[in-house]
Amino acid sequence: MKAAFKNRFKILHFGSLILISQLLVSCYSFTGSSLKPDVKTILIKNFPNNTSFNPNLSQQFSTDLQNRFLQRTNLKGTTDMPDILIEGEIVDYQPSTPTAISTPSTSQATGNVLMAAQNKLTITVKVHYENAKYPTESFDRTYSDEAVFSNTASMQEIEGTYVKVATDRIINKIFNDIVANW
């Protein structure tokens, strides 16, 4: 009798787990997207770089933003009457702002000279987002992020590595504000 009760309990427990997992799967999209099903198309316009730095930034940022949406959602790219329109501009690019100051060792020191031990790169992007199906979700926002690096980093390293870090963070913020709705 005790064994039969244990078996029924196990079957009931297993059935409950299956039911709960099915409910969770039906509530969550594994793309991480909570876009409504009738939102199907997107147009991401080129983001011009309105700074005097890094001429490749406009193309790279625009391509990375497009790839994020096309790869992580079910949206299809279009040029005609999109459900979602994203456009904007790169408005600020600060390639090297000191964040930490150090005093050189006495063998290097000539007086009381201070040096930047760390610098940061800061990028700021203005974004205009329009949702044709749900206009109340549309917005205009400014996103900014930074990457900290050693004072020994070359301009090539900064533009090759640290620009990618800052722009990826900005793209994550844009994506989350539009798609994830966390």
Protein backbone atom coordinates (compact mmCIF):
# COMPACT_ATOMS: atom_id res chain seq x y z
CA MET A 1 0.00 0.00 0.00
CA LYS A 2 2.82 2.38 0.90
CA ALA A 3 4.63 1.58 -2.39
CA ALA A 4 1.49 2.29 -4.43
CA PHE A 5 1.12 5.67 -2.71
CA LYS A 6 4.77 6.53 -3.50
CA ASN A 7 4.28 5.60 -7.16
CA ARG A 8 1.14 7.74 -7.45
CA PHE A 9 2.96 10.63 -5.79
CA LYS A 10 5.88 10.31 -8.23
CA ILE A 11 3.52 10.24 -11.23
CA LEU A 12 1.60 13.24 -9.92
CA HIS A 13 4.85 15.12 -9.19
CA PHE A 14 6.25 14.32 -12.66
CA GLY A 15 2.99 15.38 -14.33
CA SER A 16 3.00 18.65 -12.40
CA LEU A 17 6.55 19.40 -13.55
CA ILE A 18 5.60 18.80 -17.18
CA LEU A 19 2.55 21.07 -16.86
CA ILE A 20 4.56 23.87 -15.22
CA SER A 21 7.31 23.65 -17.84
CA GLN A 22 4.74 23.85 -20.66
CA LEU A 23 3.20 26.94 -19.08
CA LEU A 24 6.60 28.61 -18.78
CA VAL A 25 7.54 27.84 -22.37
CA SER A 26 4.28 29.31 -23.63
CA CYS A 27 4.94 32.56 -21.71
CA TYR A 28 8.53 33.17 -22.78
CA SER A 29 10.18 33.52 -26.13
CA PHE A 30 13.66 32.03 -26.21
CA THR A 31 14.79 34.83 -28.51
CA GLY A 32 14.43 37.08 -25.46
CA SER A 33 11.95 39.16 -27.40
CA SER A 34 8.65 40.33 -26.05
CA LEU A 35 7.64 42.02 -29.29
CA LYS A 36 4.00 41.57 -30.14
CA PRO A 37 3.39 38.94 -32.87
CA ASP A 38 1.94 41.44 -35.35
CA VAL A 39 5.19 43.47 -35.35
CA LYS A 40 7.06 41.83 -38.23
CA THR A 41 9.30 44.31 -40.07
CA ILE A 42 12.11 46.69 -39.16
CA LEU A 43 14.11 49.43 -40.86
CA ILE A 44 17.33 50.61 -39.23
CA LYS A 45 18.72 53.64 -41.00
CA ASN A 46 22.40 54.53 -41.11
CA PHE A 47 23.59 56.39 -38.00
CA PRO A 48 25.77 59.26 -39.24
CA ASN A 49 28.86 60.05 -37.19
CA ASN A 50 28.59 63.77 -36.42
CA THR A 51 31.94 63.85 -34.65
CA SER A 52 35.36 64.48 -36.11
CA PHE A 53 36.72 61.10 -34.93
CA ASN A 54 36.72 57.55 -36.26
CA PRO A 55 35.28 57.75 -39.79
CA ASN A 56 34.43 54.01 -39.76
CA LEU A 57 32.22 54.30 -36.67
CA SER A 58 29.03 55.15 -38.54
CA GLN A 59 29.07 52.08 -40.77
CA GLN A 60 30.21 49.71 -38.01
CA PHE A 61 27.63 50.91 -35.48
CA SER A 62 24.77 50.80 -38.00
CA THR A 63 25.70 47.30 -39.18
CA ASP A 64 26.10 45.96 -35.62
CA LEU A 65 22.71 47.41 -34.60
CA GLN A 66 21.01 45.88 -37.66
CA ASN A 67 22.62 42.50 -36.99
CA ARG A 68 21.47 42.53 -33.36
CA PHE A 69 17.83 42.98 -34.31
CA LEU A 70 17.83 40.66 -37.32
CA GLN A 71 19.67 37.85 -35.51
CA ARG A 72 17.92 37.99 -32.14
CA THR A 73 14.33 38.64 -33.15
CA ASN A 74 11.93 37.32 -35.77
CA LEU A 75 11.81 40.74 -37.44
CA LYS A 76 12.49 40.97 -41.17
CA GLY A 77 14.34 43.88 -42.71
CA THR A 78 12.41 46.14 -45.05
CA THR A 79 12.76 49.51 -46.73
CA ASP A 80 9.03 50.09 -47.23
CA MET A 81 6.53 50.89 -44.46
CA PRO A 82 8.29 49.16 -41.52
CA ASP A 83 6.49 48.28 -38.32
CA ILE A 84 9.59 49.49 -36.45
CA LEU A 85 11.86 52.34 -37.53
CA ILE A 86 15.14 53.05 -35.76
CA GLU A 87 17.29 56.00 -36.75
CA GLY A 88 19.67 58.37 -35.08
CA GLU A 89 23.14 59.80 -34.99
CA ILE A 90 26.44 59.49 -33.19
CA VAL A 91 26.71 62.84 -31.41
CA ASP A 92 29.79 62.54 -29.21
CA TYR A 93 33.06 60.64 -29.29
CA GLN A 94 35.65 61.33 -26.60
CA PRO A 95 38.63 59.09 -27.44
CA SER A 96 40.78 59.70 -24.39
CA THR A 97 39.65 61.28 -21.13
CA PRO A 98 41.84 60.66 -18.05
CA THR A 99 40.10 58.72 -15.28
CA ALA A 100 42.96 57.83 -12.93
CA ILE A 101 46.09 59.88 -12.29
CA SER A 102 49.46 58.51 -11.20
CA THR A 103 52.82 59.98 -10.34
CA PRO A 104 55.71 58.55 -12.35
CA SER A 105 58.38 56.66 -10.47
CA THR A 106 61.30 58.78 -9.21
CA SER A 107 63.54 57.53 -12.02
CA GLN A 108 61.00 58.89 -14.54
CA ALA A 109 59.96 61.97 -12.60
CA THR A 110 61.13 65.39 -13.52
CA GLY A 111 59.44 67.50 -10.91
CA ASN A 112 55.87 66.91 -9.85
CA VAL A 113 54.49 65.64 -13.17
CA LEU A 114 51.24 63.70 -13.04
CA MET A 115 50.29 61.19 -15.71
CA ALA A 116 47.02 59.54 -16.63
CA ALA A 117 47.18 55.91 -15.50
CA GLN A 118 43.86 55.11 -17.12
CA ASN A 119 41.79 56.78 -19.78
CA LYS A 120 38.29 56.26 -20.98
CA LEU A 121 36.60 56.40 -24.34
CA THR A 122 33.05 57.72 -24.31
CA ILE A 123 30.52 57.43 -27.13
CA THR A 124 27.07 59.04 -27.17
CA VAL A 125 24.27 58.16 -29.61
CA LYS A 126 20.85 59.77 -30.09
CA VAL A 127 18.11 57.30 -31.08
CA HIS A 128 14.68 57.88 -32.57
CA TYR A 129 12.45 54.78 -32.33
CA GLU A 130 9.02 54.57 -33.98
CA ASN A 131 6.64 51.68 -33.58
CA ALA A 132 3.95 52.05 -36.27
CA LYS A 133 1.70 49.39 -34.71
CA TYR A 134 2.03 50.64 -31.12
CA PRO A 135 2.87 54.38 -31.29
CA THR A 136 2.82 54.81 -27.51
CA GLU A 137 5.98 52.67 -27.32
CA SER A 138 7.92 55.09 -29.58
CA PHE A 139 10.64 57.27 -28.04
CA ASP A 140 13.63 59.56 -28.52
CA ARG A 141 16.55 58.81 -26.18
CA THR A 142 20.24 59.45 -25.83
CA TYR A 143 22.53 56.54 -24.96
CA SER A 144 26.10 56.83 -23.76
CA ASP A 145 28.70 54.35 -22.63
CA GLU A 146 32.41 54.12 -22.06
CA ALA A 147 35.37 51.79 -22.02
CA VAL A 148 38.33 52.26 -19.69
CA PHE A 149 41.82 51.43 -20.91
CA SER A 150 45.46 51.78 -19.91
CA ASN A 151 47.40 54.90 -20.84
CA THR A 152 49.67 52.66 -22.89
CA ALA A 153 46.92 51.67 -25.35
CA SER A 154 47.55 52.78 -28.91
CA MET A 155 44.95 54.61 -30.99
CA GLN A 156 44.66 51.44 -33.08
CA GLU A 157 43.84 49.40 -29.94
CA ILE A 158 41.36 52.03 -28.77
CA GLU A 159 39.51 52.12 -32.08
CA GLY A 160 39.77 48.36 -32.62
CA THR A 161 38.88 47.04 -29.18
CA TYR A 162 37.48 49.70 -26.88
CA VAL A 163 35.14 51.29 -29.40
CA LYS A 164 33.57 47.84 -29.87
CA VAL A 165 33.11 47.49 -26.09
CA ALA A 166 31.35 50.86 -25.78
CA THR A 167 29.18 50.43 -28.89
CA ASP A 168 28.15 46.90 -27.92
CA ARG A 169 26.94 48.23 -24.57
CA ILE A 170 24.98 51.00 -26.27
CA ILE A 171 23.43 48.51 -28.70
CA ASN A 172 22.47 46.27 -25.76
CA LYS A 173 20.70 49.20 -24.09
CA ILE A 174 18.84 50.12 -27.28
CA PHE A 175 17.86 46.51 -27.94
CA ASN A 176 16.63 45.99 -24.38
CA ASP A 177 14.61 49.21 -24.37
CA ILE A 178 12.89 48.29 -27.64
CA VAL A 179 12.61 44.52 -27.54
CA ALA A 180 13.08 43.05 -24.10
CA ASN A 181 10.84 45.38 -22.08
CA TRP A 182 12.36 44.08 -18.87
